[in-house]
Amino acid sequence: GEGHCLVKETGLRSEIGQAAGLVQESSGHQMGIFETKIMQVIRFVILISLVDAGVVMYVSVHTRGLKVSDSLLNVLALVIGAVPIALPLVMQVTMAIGAAKMAKKQAIVTHLTALQEVASMSVLCSDKTGTLTTADMRVLPSKVWTRKGFSPDDALLWAGIASNPANKEDPIDKAVLESVNEHFGEQVAQRKLQGYIKTKFVGFNPIVKRTVAYCTHEEHGQLKISKGLLDKVLETGDDGGECWTCADAEQIREQLRTVDCRFSSQGYKTVAVAIQRADGPMEFAAIVPMIDPPREDTKITIHRIRQAGIDVKMITGDHLNIAIETSRLIGLGTGVFPAGDLW
């Protein structure tokens, strides 16, 4: 479900932040790859200096006949000269200058070792939604698929009823409501939406993967409208939420999956819509497609990253067909693997 809360503590003062702080303290100082390479060079230089100091001491005492105390001064000079006393300061200043340059390009540097990791990166794994794509989804009313007896306009309107206008951070609810306003016209859309008086609303969560709106309508009477993942709208299963099985679920299951796969192969996300009138059964009504287009600069950015010798991987929880189509559009190819093939 959904709710309102008052935030009293943030960051390291929150419970999760305190746990993260304890983990960080227990792990101690973590050297970046750049720092590790520098330390390797320093150890090599010091080793060479010690060998050189031994040779100088031997030649001074046994060949030139100098006293050990006189030769020791030259040896100490060699050893002290090999210790890079100012190196830590130079490294920190260099990293700070790098962080300042990144900040001018609107990049957030959380810690200086991050610059070292970026400089030594060989593979970049990126999320899809909101990173490679705009996360500004759009519903396509002209492509809404409906069962016989239902119209695309009704399906789009019901999807809007099953959306939460107060949850402006939800990209799907936001896309549906904006599309309802664009499709019907804002004034007509608001009048149609206000014709459904909500008595109860159950928000989306990652377990039930659907929203449910209970409402009344002057013409249609008592209604229960659901919007969400196709499988969870067609037949919810016992998942702890409001449960049902749509009428004729077994007969239409394969047809719905075929339609859903066709949409996903074209790069569309989908949400299913079902409705219950009065005391009747839950009826599957429609599949509403929406698209999350790639960012304009994604393709050229990936090309530049690859030119720098860095491989790019896309990671997403979306349908495999959507991932393949998005990957094709941004120039990553179509060799996309489901999670089950990687473990």
Protein backbone atom coordinates (compact mmCIF):
# COMPACT_ATOMS: atom_id res chain seq x y z
CA GLY A 1 0.00 0.00 0.00
CA GLU A 2 0.94 3.65 0.28
CA GLY A 3 1.14 6.14 3.11
CA HIS A 4 2.54 9.47 4.30
CA CYS A 5 5.39 9.73 6.78
CA LEU A 6 7.52 12.34 8.55
CA VAL A 7 11.28 12.01 8.04
CA LYS A 8 13.19 12.83 11.23
CA GLU A 9 16.65 11.44 10.47
CA THR A 10 18.58 11.05 7.21
CA GLY A 11 21.95 9.75 6.06
CA LEU A 12 24.20 8.20 8.69
CA ARG A 13 21.73 9.16 11.44
CA SER A 14 19.07 6.78 10.09
CA GLU A 15 18.97 3.10 11.03
CA ILE A 16 20.19 2.00 7.59
CA GLY A 17 22.84 4.73 7.64
CA GLN A 18 24.16 3.58 11.03
CA ALA A 19 24.37 0.01 9.75
CA ALA A 20 26.26 1.21 6.67
CA GLY A 21 28.62 3.21 8.89
CA LEU A 22 29.39 0.17 11.03
CA VAL A 23 30.11 -1.91 7.93
CA GLN A 24 32.41 0.79 6.62
CA GLU A 25 34.26 1.04 9.92
CA SER A 26 34.73 -2.73 10.17
CA SER A 27 36.05 -2.98 6.62
CA GLY A 28 38.75 -0.37 7.30
CA HIS A 29 40.51 1.70 4.66
CA GLN A 30 39.85 0.49 1.13
CA MET A 31 42.62 1.32 -1.34
CA GLY A 32 41.59 2.13 -4.88
CA ILE A 33 43.24 0.53 -7.89
CA PHE A 34 45.23 3.69 -8.64
CA GLU A 35 46.55 3.84 -5.07
CA THR A 36 47.38 0.13 -5.19
CA LYS A 37 49.44 0.58 -8.37
CA ILE A 38 51.26 3.56 -6.90
CA MET A 39 52.13 1.54 -3.78
CA GLN A 40 53.48 -1.25 -5.96
CA VAL A 41 55.77 1.23 -7.75
CA ILE A 42 56.89 2.70 -4.41
CA ARG A 43 57.76 -0.74 -3.04
CA PHE A 44 59.77 -1.47 -6.17
CA VAL A 45 61.62 1.86 -5.94
CA ILE A 46 62.41 1.30 -2.24
CA LEU A 47 63.65 -2.22 -2.97
CA ILE A 48 65.97 -0.91 -5.70
CA SER A 49 67.17 1.82 -3.32
CA LEU A 50 67.98 -0.72 -0.60
CA VAL A 51 69.94 -2.83 -3.07
CA ASP A 52 71.74 0.31 -4.29
CA ALA A 53 72.47 1.30 -0.67
CA GLY A 54 73.97 -2.14 -0.01
CA VAL A 55 76.19 -1.87 -3.10
CA VAL A 56 77.33 1.65 -2.10
CA MET A 57 78.15 0.48 1.43
CA TYR A 58 80.14 -2.49 0.13
CA VAL A 59 82.12 -0.46 -2.41
CA SER A 60 82.81 2.34 0.10
CA VAL A 61 84.09 0.02 2.84
CA HIS A 62 85.80 -2.82 0.97
CA THR A 63 87.04 -1.11 -2.19
CA ARG A 64 87.68 2.46 -1.13
CA GLY A 65 88.60 1.63 2.45
CA LEU A 66 86.31 4.19 4.07
CA LYS A 67 85.02 3.83 7.58
CA VAL A 68 81.54 2.43 8.08
CA SER A 69 80.45 5.61 9.89
CA ASP A 70 81.54 7.76 6.95
CA SER A 71 79.83 5.52 4.37
CA LEU A 72 76.65 5.32 6.42
CA LEU A 73 75.83 8.98 5.69
CA ASN A 74 75.74 8.38 1.94
CA VAL A 75 73.66 5.20 2.41
CA LEU A 76 71.13 7.00 4.62
CA ALA A 77 70.82 9.76 2.01
CA LEU A 78 69.93 7.17 -0.61
CA VAL A 79 67.37 5.43 1.60
CA ILE A 80 65.70 8.67 2.77
CA GLY A 81 65.58 9.99 -0.80
CA ALA A 82 63.70 6.88 -1.89
CA VAL A 83 60.83 7.50 0.55
CA PRO A 84 58.12 9.64 -1.18
CA ILE A 85 57.13 11.74 1.83
CA ALA A 86 54.96 14.17 -0.14
CA LEU A 87 53.28 11.51 -2.28
CA PRO A 88 50.07 11.15 -0.17
CA LEU A 89 49.55 14.91 -0.25
CA VAL A 90 50.18 15.06 -4.01
CA MET A 91 47.71 12.21 -4.60
CA GLN A 92 44.97 13.83 -2.50
CA VAL A 93 45.43 17.20 -4.20
CA THR A 94 45.34 15.52 -7.62
CA MET A 95 42.15 13.65 -6.75
CA ALA A 96 40.56 16.84 -5.39
CA ILE A 97 41.33 18.69 -8.61
CA GLY A 98 39.81 15.80 -10.55
CA ALA A 99 36.67 15.92 -8.38
CA ALA A 100 36.35 19.67 -9.03
CA LYS A 101 36.55 19.09 -12.79
CA MET A 102 33.89 16.36 -12.55
CA ALA A 103 31.65 18.70 -10.53
CA LYS A 104 31.84 21.30 -13.31
CA LYS A 105 30.40 18.62 -15.61
CA GLN A 106 27.54 18.02 -13.13
CA ALA A 107 28.95 14.71 -11.88
CA ILE A 108 28.66 13.88 -8.16
CA VAL A 109 31.84 12.43 -6.62
CA THR A 110 30.88 10.71 -3.36
CA HIS A 111 34.48 9.89 -2.40
CA LEU A 112 37.88 10.49 -3.97
CA THR A 113 38.63 6.80 -4.49
CA ALA A 114 35.68 6.74 -6.93
CA LEU A 115 37.83 8.72 -9.38
CA GLN A 116 40.48 6.02 -9.16
CA GLU A 117 37.90 3.31 -9.85
CA VAL A 118 36.46 5.18 -12.83
CA ALA A 119 39.93 5.67 -14.28
CA SER A 120 40.61 1.93 -14.10
CA MET A 121 37.15 0.80 -15.27
CA SER A 122 36.98 -1.87 -17.97
CA VAL A 123 33.24 -2.72 -17.89
CA LEU A 124 30.36 -0.29 -17.25
CA CYS A 125 27.08 -1.87 -16.07
CA SER A 126 24.13 0.49 -16.44
CA ASP A 127 20.51 0.35 -15.40
CA LYS A 128 18.04 0.83 -18.26
CA THR A 129 15.08 2.82 -17.00
CA GLY A 130 15.96 6.45 -16.31
CA THR A 131 19.62 5.98 -17.24
CA LEU A 132 19.68 4.71 -20.81
CA THR A 133 16.05 5.72 -21.30
CA THR A 134 14.17 8.88 -20.36
CA ALA A 135 11.88 7.25 -17.73
CA ASP A 136 9.24 9.54 -19.25
CA MET A 137 6.78 6.87 -20.34
CA ARG A 138 3.94 7.51 -22.74
CA VAL A 139 0.79 5.45 -23.21
CA LEU A 140 -0.26 4.84 -26.80
CA PRO A 141 -4.09 4.98 -26.84
CA SER A 142 -4.22 4.00 -30.52
CA LYS A 143 -2.50 0.69 -29.75
CA VAL A 144 -4.58 -0.34 -26.72
CA TRP A 145 -5.71 -3.95 -27.13
CA THR A 146 -9.15 -4.82 -25.78
CA ARG A 147 -11.30 -7.91 -25.54
CA LYS A 148 -14.64 -8.04 -27.29
CA GLY A 149 -17.20 -5.92 -25.49
CA PHE A 150 -14.69 -3.36 -24.23
CA SER A 151 -13.55 -0.15 -25.93
CA PRO A 152 -10.03 1.37 -25.89
CA ASP A 153 -11.46 4.61 -24.45
CA ASP A 154 -13.05 2.78 -21.52
CA ALA A 155 -9.89 0.75 -20.94
CA LEU A 156 -7.72 3.88 -20.86
CA LEU A 157 -10.18 5.62 -18.53
CA TRP A 158 -10.31 2.63 -16.18
CA ALA A 159 -6.50 2.53 -16.12
CA GLY A 160 -6.65 6.17 -15.01
CA ILE A 161 -9.17 5.34 -12.29
CA ALA A 162 -6.80 2.62 -11.00
CA SER A 163 -3.93 5.14 -10.85
CA ASN A 164 -3.05 7.35 -7.90
CA PRO A 165 -2.90 11.06 -8.87
CA ALA A 166 -1.18 11.86 -5.56
CA ASN A 167 1.74 9.56 -6.37
CA LYS A 168 3.52 11.78 -8.87
CA GLU A 169 6.78 9.82 -8.51
CA ASP A 170 5.30 6.64 -9.99
CA PRO A 171 6.19 6.69 -13.72
CA ILE A 172 3.36 4.36 -14.76
CA ASP A 173 0.58 6.18 -12.88
CA LYS A 174 1.95 9.49 -14.12
CA ALA A 175 2.07 8.27 -17.74
CA VAL A 176 -1.47 6.85 -17.61
CA LEU A 177 -3.03 9.98 -16.12
CA GLU A 178 -1.20 12.29 -18.53
CA SER A 179 -2.33 10.14 -21.47
CA VAL A 180 -5.93 10.24 -20.24
CA ASN A 181 -5.77 14.04 -20.16
CA GLU A 182 -4.18 14.23 -23.62
CA HIS A 183 -6.56 11.70 -25.18
CA PHE A 184 -9.86 13.09 -23.90
CA GLY A 185 -8.81 16.69 -23.33
CA GLU A 186 -8.06 17.86 -19.80
CA GLN A 187 -11.53 19.19 -18.94
CA VAL A 188 -13.40 16.19 -20.38
CA ALA A 189 -10.92 13.79 -18.76
CA GLN A 190 -11.36 15.33 -15.32
CA ARG A 191 -15.13 15.23 -15.67
CA LYS A 192 -15.02 11.54 -16.65
CA LEU A 193 -12.61 10.66 -13.83
CA GLN A 194 -14.69 12.52 -11.26
CA GLY A 195 -17.71 10.49 -12.35
CA TYR A 196 -16.09 7.50 -10.59
CA ILE A 197 -16.22 8.10 -6.82
CA LYS A 198 -13.46 6.10 -5.15
CA THR A 199 -14.35 4.48 -1.85
CA LYS A 200 -11.10 2.56 -1.42
CA PHE A 201 -7.74 2.41 -3.18
CA VAL A 202 -5.03 -0.25 -2.76
CA GLY A 203 -1.69 0.94 -4.09
CA PHE A 204 0.99 -0.95 -5.98
CA ASN A 205 3.68 -2.91 -4.17
CA PRO A 206 6.39 -5.28 -5.47
CA ILE A 207 4.59 -8.37 -4.14
CA VAL A 208 1.07 -8.05 -5.54
CA LYS A 209 2.22 -5.94 -8.55
CA ARG A 210 -1.16 -4.32 -9.15
CA THR A 211 -3.40 -1.51 -7.97
CA VAL A 212 -7.09 -1.91 -7.11
CA ALA A 213 -9.68 0.86 -7.02
CA TYR A 214 -13.14 0.39 -5.48
CA CYS A 215 -15.59 2.99 -6.73
CA THR A 216 -19.15 3.81 -7.57
CA HIS A 217 -20.53 5.25 -10.80
CA GLU A 218 -23.91 6.78 -11.44
CA GLU A 219 -24.50 4.59 -14.52
CA HIS A 220 -22.41 1.48 -13.83
CA GLY A 221 -22.96 1.17 -10.07
CA GLN A 222 -20.41 -0.57 -7.83
CA LEU A 223 -17.09 -1.30 -9.59
CA LYS A 224 -13.73 -2.83 -8.77
CA ILE A 225 -10.99 -1.88 -11.24
CA SER A 226 -7.47 -3.29 -11.25
CA LYS A 227 -4.34 -2.28 -13.18
CA GLY A 228 -0.98 -4.02 -13.12
CA LEU A 229 1.17 -6.90 -14.34
CA LEU A 230 -0.75 -9.11 -16.77
CA ASP A 231 -0.30 -12.38 -14.87
CA LYS A 232 -1.23 -10.71 -11.58
CA VAL A 233 -4.38 -9.15 -13.00
CA LEU A 234 -5.56 -12.22 -14.90
CA GLU A 235 -5.05 -14.57 -11.92
CA THR A 236 -3.64 -13.09 -8.73
CA GLY A 237 -2.85 -16.27 -6.83
CA ASP A 238 -2.59 -16.25 -3.06
CA ASP A 239 -0.12 -13.38 -2.65
CA GLY A 240 -1.58 -11.68 0.39
CA GLY A 241 -3.56 -9.06 -1.50
CA GLU A 242 -7.09 -8.95 -2.86
CA CYS A 243 -7.34 -12.23 -4.79
CA TRP A 244 -9.38 -13.27 -7.82
CA THR A 245 -9.31 -15.19 -11.08
CA CYS A 246 -10.74 -13.47 -14.13
CA ALA A 247 -13.59 -15.16 -15.98
CA ASP A 248 -12.37 -17.47 -18.79
CA ALA A 249 -8.79 -17.08 -17.55
CA GLU A 250 -7.60 -20.44 -18.87
CA GLN A 251 -9.23 -19.92 -22.27
CA ILE A 252 -7.69 -16.50 -22.90
CA ARG A 253 -4.31 -16.94 -21.17
CA GLU A 254 -2.35 -17.93 -24.30
CA GLN A 255 -3.99 -15.21 -26.38
CA LEU A 256 -3.04 -12.57 -23.81
CA ARG A 257 0.55 -13.80 -23.61
CA THR A 258 0.81 -13.66 -27.41
CA VAL A 259 -0.43 -10.06 -27.43
CA ASP A 260 1.89 -9.16 -24.55
CA CYS A 261 4.91 -10.71 -26.31
CA ARG A 262 4.06 -8.84 -29.51
CA PHE A 263 4.04 -5.55 -27.63
CA SER A 264 7.26 -6.32 -25.77
CA SER A 265 9.06 -7.32 -29.00
CA GLN A 266 8.26 -3.80 -30.25
CA GLY A 267 9.78 -2.27 -27.10
CA TYR A 268 6.53 -1.54 -25.26
CA LYS A 269 5.87 -2.02 -21.56
CA THR A 270 2.34 -3.19 -20.84
CA VAL A 271 -0.20 -2.93 -18.03
CA ALA A 272 -3.33 -5.05 -17.87
CA VAL A 273 -6.77 -3.76 -16.89
CA ALA A 274 -9.61 -5.79 -15.37
CA ILE A 275 -13.01 -4.76 -14.02
CA GLN A 276 -15.74 -6.23 -11.83
CA ARG A 277 -19.27 -4.87 -12.08
CA ALA A 278 -21.43 -5.18 -8.96
CA ASP A 279 -21.39 -8.82 -7.81
CA GLY A 280 -20.28 -10.21 -11.18
CA PRO A 281 -16.94 -11.91 -11.89
CA MET A 282 -13.69 -10.09 -12.53
CA GLU A 283 -13.38 -9.59 -16.30
CA PHE A 284 -10.11 -9.04 -18.14
CA ALA A 285 -10.63 -5.92 -20.25
CA ALA A 286 -7.48 -4.68 -21.96
CA ILE A 287 -3.73 -4.50 -22.36
CA VAL A 288 -2.42 -0.94 -22.41
CA PRO A 289 1.01 -0.42 -24.07
CA MET A 290 3.43 2.31 -23.09
CA ILE A 291 6.89 3.17 -24.30
CA ASP A 292 9.97 4.45 -22.47
CA PRO A 293 12.12 5.91 -25.28
CA PRO A 294 15.94 6.01 -25.10
CA ARG A 295 17.62 9.31 -24.29
CA GLU A 296 18.75 11.29 -27.31
CA ASP A 297 22.42 11.13 -26.31
CA THR A 298 22.50 7.48 -25.15
CA LYS A 299 23.72 5.98 -28.42
CA ILE A 300 26.56 8.47 -28.95
CA THR A 301 27.57 8.22 -25.28
CA ILE A 302 27.86 4.43 -25.52
CA HIS A 303 29.92 4.82 -28.69
CA ARG A 304 32.34 7.21 -26.95
CA ILE A 305 32.66 4.92 -23.92
CA ARG A 306 33.50 1.99 -26.17
CA GLN A 307 36.08 4.09 -28.00
CA ALA A 308 37.76 4.56 -24.61
CA GLY A 309 38.16 0.76 -24.37
CA ILE A 310 35.30 0.25 -21.89
CA ASP A 311 32.64 -2.38 -22.52
CA VAL A 312 29.02 -1.43 -21.74
CA LYS A 313 26.41 -3.80 -20.28
CA MET A 314 22.71 -3.06 -19.75
CA ILE A 315 20.92 -4.47 -16.68
CA THR A 316 17.14 -4.34 -16.41
CA GLY A 317 14.21 -6.08 -14.76
CA ASP A 318 11.98 -5.53 -17.79
CA HIS A 319 10.72 -8.24 -20.15
CA LEU A 320 13.48 -9.85 -22.25
CA ASN A 321 11.91 -8.66 -25.51
CA ILE A 322 11.80 -5.07 -24.25
CA ALA A 323 15.46 -5.31 -23.26
CA ILE A 324 16.40 -6.66 -26.70
CA GLU A 325 14.54 -3.91 -28.56
CA THR A 326 15.96 -1.15 -26.34
CA SER A 327 19.44 -2.60 -26.69
CA ARG A 328 19.07 -2.60 -30.47
CA LEU A 329 17.93 1.04 -30.52
CA ILE A 330 20.90 2.30 -28.46
CA GLY A 331 23.52 0.31 -30.36
CA LEU A 332 24.30 -2.40 -27.80
CA GLY A 333 23.25 -5.22 -30.12
CA THR A 334 20.68 -7.91 -29.43
CA GLY A 335 22.74 -10.41 -27.44
CA VAL A 336 20.65 -10.04 -24.29
CA PHE A 337 20.49 -12.89 -21.78
CA PRO A 338 17.81 -13.58 -19.15
CA ALA A 339 18.96 -13.78 -15.52
CA GLY A 340 18.48 -17.55 -15.46
CA ASP A 341 21.17 -18.02 -18.13
CA LEU A 342 23.76 -16.08 -16.10
CA TRP A 343 23.68 -18.06 -12.85
